[in-house]
C-alpha atoms as a PDB file:
ATOM      1  CA  MET A   1      25.497   0.775 -86.645  1.00  0.00           C
ATOM      2  CA  GLY A   2      23.234  -1.201 -88.567  1.00  0.00           C
ATOM      3  CA  TYR A   3      24.744  -4.320 -86.896  1.00  0.00           C
ATOM      4  CA  ASN A   4      24.381  -3.142 -83.744  1.00  0.00           C
ATOM      5  CA  ASN A   5      20.651  -2.033 -84.126  1.00  0.00           C
ATOM      6  CA  ARG A   6      20.036  -5.818 -85.026  1.00  0.00           C
ATOM      7  CA  THR A   7      22.154  -7.336 -82.350  1.00  0.00           C
ATOM      8  CA  GLN A   8      20.083  -5.016 -79.655  1.00  0.00           C
ATOM      9  CA  SER A   9      16.538  -6.309 -81.310  1.00  0.00           C
ATOM     10  CA  THR A  10      17.460  -9.666 -81.273  1.00  0.00           C
ATOM     11  CA  GLY A  11      18.587  -9.210 -77.869  1.00  0.00           C
ATOM     12  CA  PHE A  12      15.188  -7.848 -77.054  1.00  0.00           C
ATOM     13  CA  ARG A  13      13.060 -10.774 -78.692  1.00  0.00           C
ATOM     14  CA  PRO A  14      13.065 -13.106 -76.132  1.00  0.00           C
ATOM     15  CA  LEU A  15      12.225 -11.101 -73.133  1.00  0.00           C
ATOM     16  CA  ILE A  16       9.242  -9.652 -75.136  1.00  0.00           C
ATOM     17  CA  VAL A  17       8.682 -13.887 -75.701  1.00  0.00           C
ATOM     18  CA  LEU A  18       8.587 -14.362 -72.130  1.00  0.00           C
ATOM     19  CA  CYS A  19       6.706 -11.612 -71.404  1.00  0.00           C
ATOM     20  CA  ILE A  20       3.934 -12.753 -73.679  1.00  0.00           C
ATOM     21  CA  VAL A  21       3.941 -16.507 -72.362  1.00  0.00           C
ATOM     22  CA  SER A  22       4.167 -15.161 -68.518  1.00  0.00           C
ATOM     23  CA  VAL A  23       0.543 -13.219 -69.573  1.00  0.00           C
ATOM     24  CA  LEU A  24      -0.999 -15.727 -71.009  1.00  0.00           C
ATOM     25  CA  LEU A  25       0.293 -18.373 -68.453  1.00  0.00           C
ATOM     26  CA  LEU A  26      -1.681 -15.619 -65.999  1.00  0.00           C
ATOM     27  CA  THR A  27      -4.532 -15.536 -67.749  1.00  0.00           C
ATOM     28  CA  PHE A  28      -5.157 -19.444 -68.722  1.00  0.00           C
ATOM     29  CA  TYR A  29      -4.516 -19.571 -64.526  1.00  0.00           C
ATOM     30  CA  ILE A  30      -7.147 -16.805 -63.310  1.00  0.00           C
ATOM     31  CA  ARG A  31      -9.539 -18.558 -65.917  1.00  0.00           C
ATOM     32  CA  GLU A  32      -9.085 -22.420 -65.308  1.00  0.00           C
ATOM     33  CA  GLY A  33     -10.095 -24.401 -62.376  1.00  0.00           C
ATOM     34  CA  GLU A  34      -8.831 -25.595 -59.330  1.00  0.00           C
ATOM     35  CA  SER A  35      -7.785 -28.809 -60.986  1.00  0.00           C
ATOM     36  CA  GLY A  36      -6.673 -26.979 -64.208  1.00  0.00           C
ATOM     37  CA  PRO A  37      -3.543 -28.331 -65.886  1.00  0.00           C
ATOM     38  CA  ILE A  38      -1.621 -25.311 -64.395  1.00  0.00           C
ATOM     39  CA  HIS A  39      -2.722 -25.790 -60.990  1.00  0.00           C
ATOM     40  CA  THR A  40      -1.573 -29.057 -61.336  1.00  0.00           C
ATOM     41  CA  VAL A  41       1.838 -28.439 -62.370  1.00  0.00           C
ATOM     42  CA  ARG A  42       1.949 -25.598 -59.825  1.00  0.00           C
ATOM     43  CA  ALA A  43       1.220 -28.037 -57.076  1.00  0.00           C
ATOM     44  CA  GLY A  44       3.662 -30.401 -58.290  1.00  0.00           C
ATOM     45  CA  VAL A  45       6.590 -27.637 -58.538  1.00  0.00           C
ATOM     46  CA  SER A  46       5.931 -26.921 -55.061  1.00  0.00           C
ATOM     47  CA  THR A  47       5.474 -30.273 -53.517  1.00  0.00           C
ATOM     48  CA  VAL A  48       9.150 -30.755 -55.268  1.00  0.00           C
ATOM     49  CA  THR A  49      10.682 -27.397 -53.899  1.00  0.00           C
ATOM     50  CA  SER A  50       9.459 -27.685 -50.573  1.00  0.00           C
ATOM     51  CA  PRO A  51      12.312 -29.862 -49.063  1.00  0.00           C
ATOM     52  CA  VAL A  52      14.773 -27.077 -50.798  1.00  0.00           C
ATOM     53  CA  ARG A  53      12.808 -24.040 -48.899  1.00  0.00           C
ATOM     54  CA  MET A  54      12.649 -25.921 -45.356  1.00  0.00           C
ATOM     55  CA  LEU A  55      16.795 -26.784 -45.762  1.00  0.00           C
ATOM     56  CA  GLY A  56      17.362 -23.312 -46.563  1.00  0.00           C
ATOM     57  CA  SER A  57      15.254 -22.023 -43.558  1.00  0.00           C
ATOM     58  CA  ILE A  58      17.426 -24.242 -41.162  1.00  0.00           C
ATOM     59  CA  VAL A  59      20.313 -23.286 -42.036  1.00  0.00           C
ATOM     60  CA  ALA A  60      19.667 -19.549 -42.453  1.00  0.00           C
ATOM     61  CA  THR A  61      17.870 -19.970 -38.635  1.00  0.00           C
ATOM     62  CA  PRO A  62      21.644 -19.938 -36.944  1.00  0.00           C
ATOM     63  CA  PHE A  63      22.802 -17.371 -39.181  1.00  0.00           C
ATOM     64  CA  ASP A  64      19.481 -14.352 -38.037  1.00  0.00           C
ATOM     65  CA  GLY A  65      20.368 -15.578 -34.429  1.00  0.00           C
ATOM     66  CA  LEU A  66      23.578 -14.495 -34.626  1.00  0.00           C
ATOM     67  CA  GLY A  67      22.748 -11.949 -36.314  1.00  0.00           C
ATOM     68  CA  ASN A  68      20.089 -10.913 -33.270  1.00  0.00           C
ATOM     69  CA  ILE A  69      23.056 -11.469 -30.640  1.00  0.00           C
ATOM     70  CA  PHE A  70      25.388  -9.130 -32.757  1.00  0.00           C
ATOM     71  CA  SER A  71      23.360  -6.493 -32.661  1.00  0.00           C
ATOM     72  CA  ASN A  72      22.690  -6.719 -28.896  1.00  0.00           C
ATOM     73  CA  LEU A  73      26.321  -7.003 -28.038  1.00  0.00           C
ATOM     74  CA  THR A  74      26.606  -3.334 -29.972  1.00  0.00           C
ATOM     75  CA  ALA A  75      23.843  -1.998 -28.693  1.00  0.00           C
ATOM     76  CA  SER A  76      25.162   1.450 -26.627  1.00  0.00           C
ATOM     77  CA  GLN A  77      25.690   1.360 -23.085  1.00  0.00           C
ATOM     78  CA  GLU A  78      22.639   3.756 -22.606  1.00  0.00           C
ATOM     79  CA  THR A  79      20.179   1.791 -24.226  1.00  0.00           C
ATOM     80  CA  LEU A  80      21.210  -1.216 -22.268  1.00  0.00           C
ATOM     81  CA  ASP A  81      20.983   1.148 -18.923  1.00  0.00           C
ATOM     82  CA  GLU A  82      17.655   2.275 -19.806  1.00  0.00           C
ATOM     83  CA  LEU A  83      16.039  -1.342 -20.757  1.00  0.00           C
ATOM     84  CA  ARG A  84      17.396  -2.349 -16.907  1.00  0.00           C
ATOM     85  CA  SER A  85      15.488   0.203 -15.481  1.00  0.00           C
ATOM     86  CA  GLN A  86      12.561  -0.470 -17.559  1.00  0.00           C
ATOM     87  CA  ASN A  87      12.825  -3.821 -16.119  1.00  0.00           C
ATOM     88  CA  GLN A  88      13.349  -2.794 -12.772  1.00  0.00           C
ATOM     89  CA  GLU A  89      10.323  -0.637 -13.037  1.00  0.00           C
ATOM     90  CA  LEU A  90       7.951  -3.333 -14.046  1.00  0.00           C
ATOM     91  CA  THR A  91       9.145  -5.561 -11.536  1.00  0.00           C
ATOM     92  CA  ALA A  92       8.542  -3.672  -9.066  1.00  0.00           C
ATOM     93  CA  GLN A  93       4.779  -2.830 -10.540  1.00  0.00           C
ATOM     94  CA  VAL A  94       3.787  -6.327 -10.644  1.00  0.00           C
ATOM     95  CA  ALA A  95       5.153  -6.836  -7.022  1.00  0.00           C
ATOM     96  CA  GLU A  96       2.811  -3.737  -5.805  1.00  0.00           C
ATOM     97  CA  LEU A  97      -0.038  -5.497  -7.388  1.00  0.00           C
ATOM     98  CA  SER A  98       0.610  -8.633  -6.344  1.00  0.00           C
ATOM     99  CA  GLU A  99       0.394  -7.278  -2.888  1.00  0.00           C
ATOM    100  CA  ALA A 100      -2.338  -5.225  -3.416  1.00  0.00           C
ATOM    101  CA  LYS A 101      -4.555  -8.301  -4.571  1.00  0.00           C
ATOM    102  CA  GLU A 102      -3.243 -10.628  -1.781  1.00  0.00           C
ATOM    103  CA  THR A 103      -4.624  -7.682   0.790  1.00  0.00           C
ATOM    104  CA  ALA A 104      -7.731  -6.982  -0.797  1.00  0.00           C
ATOM    105  CA  THR A 105      -8.629 -11.193  -0.644  1.00  0.00           C
ATOM    106  CA  ARG A 106      -7.415 -10.951   3.096  1.00  0.00           C
ATOM    107  CA  LEU A 107      -9.705  -7.663   3.736  1.00  0.00           C
ATOM    108  CA  GLU A 108     -13.022  -9.837   1.374  1.00  0.00           C
ATOM    109  CA  GLY A 109     -12.267 -12.365   3.549  1.00  0.00           C
ATOM    110  CA  LEU A 110     -12.854 -10.529   6.921  1.00  0.00           C
ATOM    111  CA  LEU A 111     -15.749  -8.534   5.485  1.00  0.00           C
ATOM    112  CA  ASP A 112     -17.578 -12.108   4.489  1.00  0.00           C
ATOM    113  CA  LEU A 113     -16.297 -13.201   7.812  1.00  0.00           C
ATOM    114  CA  ARG A 114     -17.884  -9.922   9.934  1.00  0.00           C
ATOM    115  CA  SER A 115     -20.912 -10.427   7.559  1.00  0.00           C
ATOM    116  CA  THR A 116     -21.698 -13.895   7.776  1.00  0.00           C
ATOM    117  CA  TYR A 117     -21.659 -14.115  11.591  1.00  0.00           C
ATOM    118  CA  ASN A 118     -22.480 -10.654  11.753  1.00  0.00           C
ATOM    119  CA  LEU A 119     -20.106  -9.259  14.460  1.00  0.00           C
ATOM    120  CA  GLN A 120     -19.638  -6.114  16.111  1.00  0.00           C
ATOM    121  CA  SER A 121     -16.079  -5.298  15.545  1.00  0.00           C
ATOM    122  CA  THR A 122     -13.013  -2.790  14.480  1.00  0.00           C
ATOM    123  CA  ALA A 123     -10.536  -3.696  11.932  1.00  0.00           C
ATOM    124  CA  ALA A 124      -6.830  -3.937  13.579  1.00  0.00           C
ATOM    125  CA  ARG A 125      -3.427  -5.076  11.782  1.00  0.00           C
ATOM    126  CA  ILE A 126      -0.702  -7.011  13.595  1.00  0.00           C
ATOM    127  CA  ILE A 127       2.509  -5.049  13.393  1.00  0.00           C
ATOM    128  CA  GLY A 128       4.618  -7.675  16.123  1.00  0.00           C
ATOM    129  CA  MET A 129       4.314 -11.219  17.414  1.00  0.00           C
ATOM    130  CA  SER A 130       6.388 -12.226  20.661  1.00  0.00           C
ATOM    131  CA  SER A 131       9.810 -13.300  20.450  1.00  0.00           C
ATOM    132  CA  ASP A 132      10.236 -15.509  23.331  1.00  0.00           C
ATOM    133  CA  ALA A 133       9.912 -19.339  24.001  1.00  0.00           C
ATOM    134  CA  TRP A 134       7.406 -19.528  26.968  1.00  0.00           C
ATOM    135  CA  SER A 135       4.276 -17.411  25.542  1.00  0.00           C
ATOM    136  CA  ARG A 136       2.691 -17.259  22.026  1.00  0.00           C
ATOM    137  CA  THR A 137       1.474 -13.126  21.592  1.00  0.00           C
ATOM    138  CA  VAL A 138       0.682 -10.995  18.614  1.00  0.00           C
ATOM    139  CA  THR A 139       0.512  -7.052  18.640  1.00  0.00           C
ATOM    140  CA  ILE A 140      -1.906  -5.248  16.574  1.00  0.00           C
ATOM    141  CA  ASP A 141      -2.213  -1.311  15.843  1.00  0.00           C
ATOM    142  CA  LYS A 142      -5.814  -0.459  17.517  1.00  0.00           C
ATOM    143  CA  GLY A 143      -5.715   0.081  21.763  1.00  0.00           C
ATOM    144  CA  SER A 144      -7.789   1.279  24.264  1.00  0.00           C
ATOM    145  CA  LEU A 145      -7.951   5.189  22.588  1.00  0.00           C
ATOM    146  CA  ASP A 146      -9.809   3.044  19.494  1.00  0.00           C
ATOM    147  CA  GLY A 147     -12.631   1.665  22.042  1.00  0.00           C
ATOM    148  CA  LEU A 148     -10.391  -1.511  22.988  1.00  0.00           C
ATOM    149  CA  ALA A 149     -10.561  -3.502  25.830  1.00  0.00           C
ATOM    150  CA  LEU A 150      -9.155  -6.525  27.900  1.00  0.00           C
ATOM    151  CA  ASN A 151     -10.819  -9.708  26.599  1.00  0.00           C
ATOM    152  CA  MET A 152     -12.016  -8.819  23.644  1.00  0.00           C
ATOM    153  CA  PRO A 153     -11.597 -11.656  21.166  1.00  0.00           C
ATOM    154  CA  VAL A 154      -9.892 -11.416  17.988  1.00  0.00           C
ATOM    155  CA  THR A 155     -10.077 -13.013  14.630  1.00  0.00           C
ATOM    156  CA  ASN A 156      -8.706 -13.237  11.208  1.00  0.00           C
ATOM    157  CA  SER A 157     -10.674 -14.265   8.121  1.00  0.00           C
ATOM    158  CA  ALA A 158     -10.433 -18.205   8.726  1.00  0.00           C
ATOM    159  CA  GLY A 159     -11.338 -18.163  12.619  1.00  0.00           C
ATOM    160  CA  VAL A 160     -10.335 -17.673  15.940  1.00  0.00           C
ATOM    161  CA  ILE A 161      -6.446 -15.619  16.827  1.00  0.00           C
ATOM    162  CA  GLY A 162      -6.665 -15.302  20.136  1.00  0.00           C
ATOM    163  CA  GLN A 163      -7.925 -12.547  23.083  1.00  0.00           C
ATOM    164  CA  ILE A 164      -6.520  -9.606  24.327  1.00  0.00           C
ATOM    165  CA  ILE A 165      -4.571  -9.450  27.488  1.00  0.00           C
ATOM    166  CA  GLU A 166      -2.688  -6.355  27.238  1.00  0.00           C
ATOM    167  CA  VAL A 167      -4.381  -3.115  26.032  1.00  0.00           C
ATOM    168  CA  ALA A 168      -2.037   0.556  25.399  1.00  0.00           C
ATOM    169  CA  PRO A 169      -3.806   3.556  23.635  1.00  0.00           C
ATOM    170  CA  ASN A 170      -2.316   3.018  20.284  1.00  0.00           C
ATOM    171  CA  THR A 171      -1.568  -0.674  20.383  1.00  0.00           C
ATOM    172  CA  ALA A 172      -3.140  -4.005  22.362  1.00  0.00           C
ATOM    173  CA  THR A 173      -1.137  -7.384  22.987  1.00  0.00           C
ATOM    174  CA  VAL A 174      -3.094 -10.344  21.824  1.00  0.00           C
ATOM    175  CA  ARG A 175      -2.648 -13.850  23.358  1.00  0.00           C
ATOM    176  CA  LEU A 176      -3.240 -16.458  20.805  1.00  0.00           C
ATOM    177  CA  ALA A 177      -5.317 -19.813  21.282  1.00  0.00           C
ATOM    178  CA  THR A 178      -1.908 -21.812  20.708  1.00  0.00           C
ATOM    179  CA  ASP A 179      -0.614 -19.972  23.997  1.00  0.00           C
ATOM    180  CA  GLU A 180      -0.129 -22.801  26.716  1.00  0.00           C
ATOM    181  CA  SER A 181      -1.950 -20.371  29.048  1.00  0.00           C
ATOM    182  CA  SER A 182      -5.587 -20.072  26.393  1.00  0.00           C
ATOM    183  CA  GLY A 183      -8.041 -21.875  26.920  1.00  0.00           C
ATOM    184  CA  ILE A 184     -11.563 -21.551  25.165  1.00  0.00           C
ATOM    185  CA  SER A 185     -15.115 -23.158  25.631  1.00  0.00           C
ATOM    186  CA  ALA A 186     -15.755 -25.120  22.233  1.00  0.00           C
ATOM    187  CA  MET A 187     -17.643 -27.739  21.065  1.00  0.00           C
ATOM    188  CA  VAL A 188     -17.643 -30.100  18.105  1.00  0.00           C
ATOM    189  CA  GLN A 189     -19.759 -28.598  15.410  1.00  0.00           C
ATOM    190  CA  SER A 190     -21.665 -31.757  14.291  1.00  0.00           C
ATOM    191  CA  THR A 191     -22.401 -33.511  17.670  1.00  0.00           C
ATOM    192  CA  ARG A 192     -22.390 -30.403  20.174  1.00  0.00           C
ATOM    193  CA  ALA A 193     -19.819 -32.371  22.577  1.00  0.00           C
ATOM    194  CA  GLN A 194     -18.763 -30.089  24.472  1.00  0.00           C
ATOM    195  CA  GLY A 195     -14.865 -29.472  25.633  1.00  0.00           C
ATOM    196  CA  MET A 196     -12.548 -26.671  25.959  1.00  0.00           C
ATOM    197  CA  LEU A 197      -9.716 -26.089  23.397  1.00  0.00           C
ATOM    198  CA  GLN A 198      -6.585 -25.525  25.284  1.00  0.00           C
ATOM    199  CA  GLY A 199      -3.264 -24.275  23.872  1.00  0.00           C
ATOM    200  CA  GLN A 200       0.001 -26.771  24.447  1.00  0.00           C
ATOM    201  CA  PRO A 201       3.686 -25.970  25.574  1.00  0.00           C
ATOM    202  CA  ASP A 202       4.468 -27.210  21.543  1.00  0.00           C
ATOM    203  CA  GLY A 203       1.922 -24.621  19.963  1.00  0.00           C
ATOM    204  CA  THR A 204      -0.586 -27.968  18.970  1.00  0.00           C
ATOM    205  CA  LEU A 205      -4.399 -27.457  20.028  1.00  0.00           C
ATOM    206  CA  ARG A 206      -6.042 -30.338  22.039  1.00  0.00           C
ATOM    207  CA  LEU A 207      -9.713 -30.362  22.831  1.00  0.00           C
ATOM    208  CA  GLU A 208      -9.768 -31.416  26.751  1.00  0.00           C
ATOM    209  CA  TYR A 209     -12.725 -32.950  28.481  1.00  0.00           C
ATOM    210  CA  VAL A 210     -14.662 -34.643  25.968  1.00  0.00           C
ATOM    211  CA  SER A 211     -16.192 -37.924  27.113  1.00  0.00           C
ATOM    212  CA  THR A 212     -15.720 -41.137  25.060  1.00  0.00           C
ATOM    213  CA  ASP A 213     -19.405 -41.570  25.013  1.00  0.00           C
ATOM    214  CA  SER A 214     -19.053 -38.357  22.624  1.00  0.00           C
ATOM    215  CA  ASP A 215     -18.821 -39.225  18.635  1.00  0.00           C
ATOM    216  CA  VAL A 216     -15.708 -37.571  17.428  1.00  0.00           C
ATOM    217  CA  LYS A 217     -14.022 -38.144  14.481  1.00  0.00           C
ATOM    218  CA  GLU A 218     -10.770 -37.374  12.545  1.00  0.00           C
ATOM    219  CA  GLY A 219     -11.872 -33.946  10.196  1.00  0.00           C
ATOM    220  CA  ASP A 220     -14.895 -32.710  12.736  1.00  0.00           C
ATOM    221  CA  ILE A 221     -14.786 -28.510  12.560  1.00  0.00           C
ATOM    222  CA  ILE A 222     -14.456 -27.438  16.128  1.00  0.00           C
ATOM    223  CA  VAL A 223     -16.295 -24.101  16.803  1.00  0.00           C
ATOM    224  CA  THR A 224     -16.770 -21.569  20.035  1.00  0.00           C
ATOM    225  CA  SER A 225     -19.530 -22.534  22.184  1.00  0.00           C
ATOM    226  CA  GLY A 226     -20.385 -19.098  23.230  1.00  0.00           C
ATOM    227  CA  ILE A 227     -20.220 -20.277  26.910  1.00  0.00           C
ATOM    228  CA  GLY A 228     -18.459 -17.462  28.957  1.00  0.00           C
ATOM    229  CA  GLY A 229     -19.663 -14.759  26.997  1.00  0.00           C
ATOM    230  CA  VAL A 230     -16.546 -13.857  25.271  1.00  0.00           C
ATOM    231  CA  TYR A 231     -16.295 -15.700  21.826  1.00  0.00           C
ATOM    232  CA  PRO A 232     -19.233 -15.104  19.438  1.00  0.00           C
ATOM    233  CA  LYS A 233     -21.074 -18.649  19.617  1.00  0.00           C
ATOM    234  CA  GLY A 234     -19.986 -20.643  16.458  1.00  0.00           C
ATOM    235  CA  LEU A 235     -16.621 -18.790  15.238  1.00  0.00           C
ATOM    236  CA  PRO A 236     -14.315 -21.294  13.749  1.00  0.00           C
ATOM    237  CA  LEU A 237     -11.508 -22.882  15.687  1.00  0.00           C
ATOM    238  CA  GLY A 238      -9.635 -25.835  14.052  1.00  0.00           C
ATOM    239  CA  THR A 239     -10.383 -29.491  12.529  1.00  0.00           C
ATOM    240  CA  VAL A 240      -9.497 -32.613  14.271  1.00  0.00           C
ATOM    241  CA  THR A 241      -6.372 -34.087  13.102  1.00  0.00           C
ATOM    242  CA  THR A 242      -6.457 -37.075  15.428  1.00  0.00           C
ATOM    243  CA  VAL A 243      -8.814 -38.988  18.413  1.00  0.00           C
ATOM    244  CA  GLU A 244      -7.071 -41.314  20.576  1.00  0.00           C
ATOM    245  CA  ARG A 245      -8.936 -43.385  23.543  1.00  0.00           C
ATOM    246  CA  ASP A 246      -6.443 -45.095  26.390  1.00  0.00           C
ATOM    247  CA  SER A 247      -8.097 -48.014  27.919  1.00  0.00           C
ATOM    248  CA  ASN A 248      -8.509 -46.388  31.483  1.00  0.00           C
ATOM    249  CA  SER A 249      -9.686 -43.282  30.342  1.00  0.00           C
ATOM    250  CA  VAL A 250     -13.251 -42.024  30.099  1.00  0.00           C
ATOM    251  CA  TYR A 251     -11.959 -38.455  27.730  1.00  0.00           C
ATOM    252  CA  TYR A 252     -10.889 -38.734  24.485  1.00  0.00           C
ATOM    253  CA  THR A 253      -7.030 -37.325  23.623  1.00  0.00           C
ATOM    254  CA  ILE A 254      -8.152 -34.806  20.684  1.00  0.00           C
ATOM    255  CA  VAL A 255      -5.638 -32.849  18.365  1.00  0.00           C
ATOM    256  CA  VAL A 256      -7.083 -30.126  16.829  1.00  0.00           C
ATOM    257  CA  ARG A 257      -5.209 -28.094  13.433  1.00  0.00           C
ATOM    258  CA  SER A 258      -5.613 -24.642  14.399  1.00  0.00           C
ATOM    259  CA  ALA A 259      -7.743 -22.653  11.448  1.00  0.00           C
ATOM    260  CA  VAL A 260      -6.334 -19.709  11.248  1.00  0.00           C
ATOM    261  CA  THR A 261      -2.325 -19.115  10.639  1.00  0.00           C
ATOM    262  CA  THR A 262      -1.172 -15.697  11.892  1.00  0.00           C
ATOM    263  CA  GLU A 263       2.103 -15.635   9.926  1.00  0.00           C
ATOM    264  CA  ASN A 264       0.266 -15.244   7.053  1.00  0.00           C
ATOM    265  CA  ASN A 265      -2.707 -13.007   8.163  1.00  0.00           C
ATOM    266  CA  GLU A 266      -1.481  -9.275   8.792  1.00  0.00           C
ATOM    267  CA  GLU A 267      -5.306  -7.583   9.347  1.00  0.00           C
ATOM    268  CA  VAL A 268      -7.961  -8.926  12.145  1.00  0.00           C
ATOM    269  CA  LEU A 269     -11.195  -8.052  13.520  1.00  0.00           C
ATOM    270  CA  VAL A 270     -11.411  -7.301  17.143  1.00  0.00           C
ATOM    271  CA  ILE A 271     -15.108  -8.258  18.185  1.00  0.00           C
ATOM    272  CA  THR A 272     -16.262  -5.481  20.692  1.00  0.00           C
ATOM    273  CA  SER A 273     -19.407  -6.774  21.562  1.00  0.00           C
ATOM    274  CA  LEU A 274     -21.788  -9.992  21.562  1.00  0.00           C
ATOM    275  CA  THR A 275     -25.534  -9.728  20.436  1.00  0.00           C
ATOM    276  CA  ASP A 276     -27.962 -12.386  22.696  1.00  0.00           C
ATOM    277  CA  GLU A 277     -27.776 -14.488  19.649  1.00  0.00           C
ATOM    278  CA  GLN A 278     -24.012 -14.971  20.080  1.00  0.00           C
ATOM    279  CA  THR A 279     -23.961 -16.500  23.568  1.00  0.00           C
ATOM    280  CA  ALA A 280     -24.377 -20.295  25.015  1.00  0.00           C
ATOM    281  CA  SER A 281     -27.874 -21.261  25.009  1.00  0.00           C
ATOM    282  CA  ASP A 282     -29.246 -22.712  28.368  1.00  0.00           C
ATOM    283  CA  GLU A 283     -29.054 -26.048  26.824  1.00  0.00           C
ATOM    284  CA  ASP A 284     -25.162 -25.593  26.123  1.00  0.00           C
ATOM    285  CA  VAL A 285     -24.610 -24.330  29.552  1.00  0.00           C
ATOM    286  CA  ALA A 286     -26.323 -27.325  31.121  1.00  0.00           C
ATOM    287  CA  ALA A 287     -24.643 -29.855  28.758  1.00  0.00           C
ATOM    288  CA  ALA A 288     -20.744 -27.705  29.798  1.00  0.00           C
ATOM    289  CA  ASN A 289     -21.854 -28.169  33.680  1.00  0.00           C
ATOM    290  CA  ASP A 290     -22.111 -31.940  33.219  1.00  0.00           C
ATOM    291  CA  THR A 291     -18.273 -31.917  32.201  1.00  0.00           C
ATOM    292  CA  PRO A 292     -15.645 -31.962  34.859  1.00  0.00           C
ATOM    293  CA  GLN A 293     -14.239 -28.511  33.742  1.00  0.00           C
ATOM    294  CA  GLY A 294     -17.891 -27.438  35.154  1.00  0.00           C
ATOM    295  CA  GLY A 295     -18.426 -25.007  32.792  1.00  0.00           C
ATOM    296  CA  ALA A 296     -14.634 -23.859  31.771  1.00  0.00           C
ATOM    297  CA  ARG A 297     -14.311 -20.364  30.993  1.00  0.00           C
ATOM    298  CA  ASP A 298     -12.797 -18.666  27.732  1.00  0.00           C
ATOM    299  CA  ASP A 299      -9.909 -18.152  29.748  1.00  0.00           C
ATOM    300  CA  GLY A 300      -8.734 -21.442  30.699  1.00  0.00           C
ATOM    301  CA  SER A 301      -9.878 -21.363  33.906  1.00  0.00           C
ATOM    302  CA  ALA A 302     -13.032 -23.112  35.096  1.00  0.00           C
ATOM    303  CA  GLU A 303     -15.859 -22.561  37.813  1.00  0.00           C
ATOM    304  CA  THR A 304     -17.661 -25.272  39.609  1.00  0.00           C
ATOM    305  CA  GLY A 305     -21.187 -26.605  38.850  1.00  0.00           C
ATOM    306  CA  SER A 306     -24.033 -24.091  39.081  1.00  0.00           C
ATOM    307  CA  ASP A 307     -21.741 -20.946  39.004  1.00  0.00           C
ATOM    308  CA  ALA A 308     -20.909 -21.617  35.424  1.00  0.00           C
ATOM    309  CA  GLY A 309     -22.512 -19.399  33.126  1.00  0.00           C
ATOM    310  CA  ASN A 310     -24.485 -17.237  35.495  1.00  0.00           C
ATOM    311  CA  ASP A 311     -22.961 -14.150  34.933  1.00  0.00           C
ATOM    312  CA  GLY A 312     -21.318 -14.698  31.520  1.00  0.00           C
ATOM    313  CA  THR A 313     -18.397 -13.089  32.766  1.00  0.00           C
ATOM    314  CA  THR A 314     -15.106 -14.505  32.996  1.00  0.00           C
ATOM    315  CA  ASP A 315     -12.310 -14.308  35.130  1.00  0.00           C
ATOM    316  CA  GLU A 316     -10.228 -11.760  33.591  1.00  0.00           C
ATOM    317  CA  GLU A 317     -13.712  -9.290  32.748  1.00  0.00           C
END
């Protein structure tokens, strides 16, 4: 028994010594400055062992990944189904929020247009497009019961779309500006040069009857002139993309890129009436009368000389 007691007592001595040394080192470590010897030794040991720790981390990383994989593989089918359901729900919510944001942006654009041009208008939504190759029209979800009538112009947030050509109680058909039977009295915004914006069979736009004496260049903005009393003066129609002058012609060949794309704009404004300020001035009418279309009307037909613009109406009215 005495031998065993002495052996146990002898075995505890190194442990006691180590504890005392640790306490002393900790005390000195706390009391000494940042540049003390114990701090210096600790920094050196850390520097020496750092590559070993990094190597251990690199070696352990793949095993951690494998552990996650095995954990996922062993997840219950019920858990996986729940996660799939949550993912589908979140995806639907993101799509719904994105659609709401796009709609809000378009509606804000319509409100800005109405406010900028002081338009008397009714909002509507495009619900259909023509499916044949001979006409370019869209159908909107408002009609005569909503106060809509023939010849009323239609715009989206970017500018003019076209003009109503058919009205039903709850729907209306709008002929687009790019339809080959469409014609809108227009002018170059910067120089006020008068012309007629006409749709082409290929769906493009051309500004016709602009004299080569006029100043027109690529990038010029084309707007409604207000002649004819259908479209308010100054609404955006498009931008000049090319200007050509044939040697024997007194008129430019001007191609215009439309300001609107109906495929990307579902909401529109139907302009129900015009103010006096939104119609063409006498000077504008006189300038248009000097062109060969003789004060062409907004539906693409033409009048002659002094008859142009006198009654402020179109042939469709």
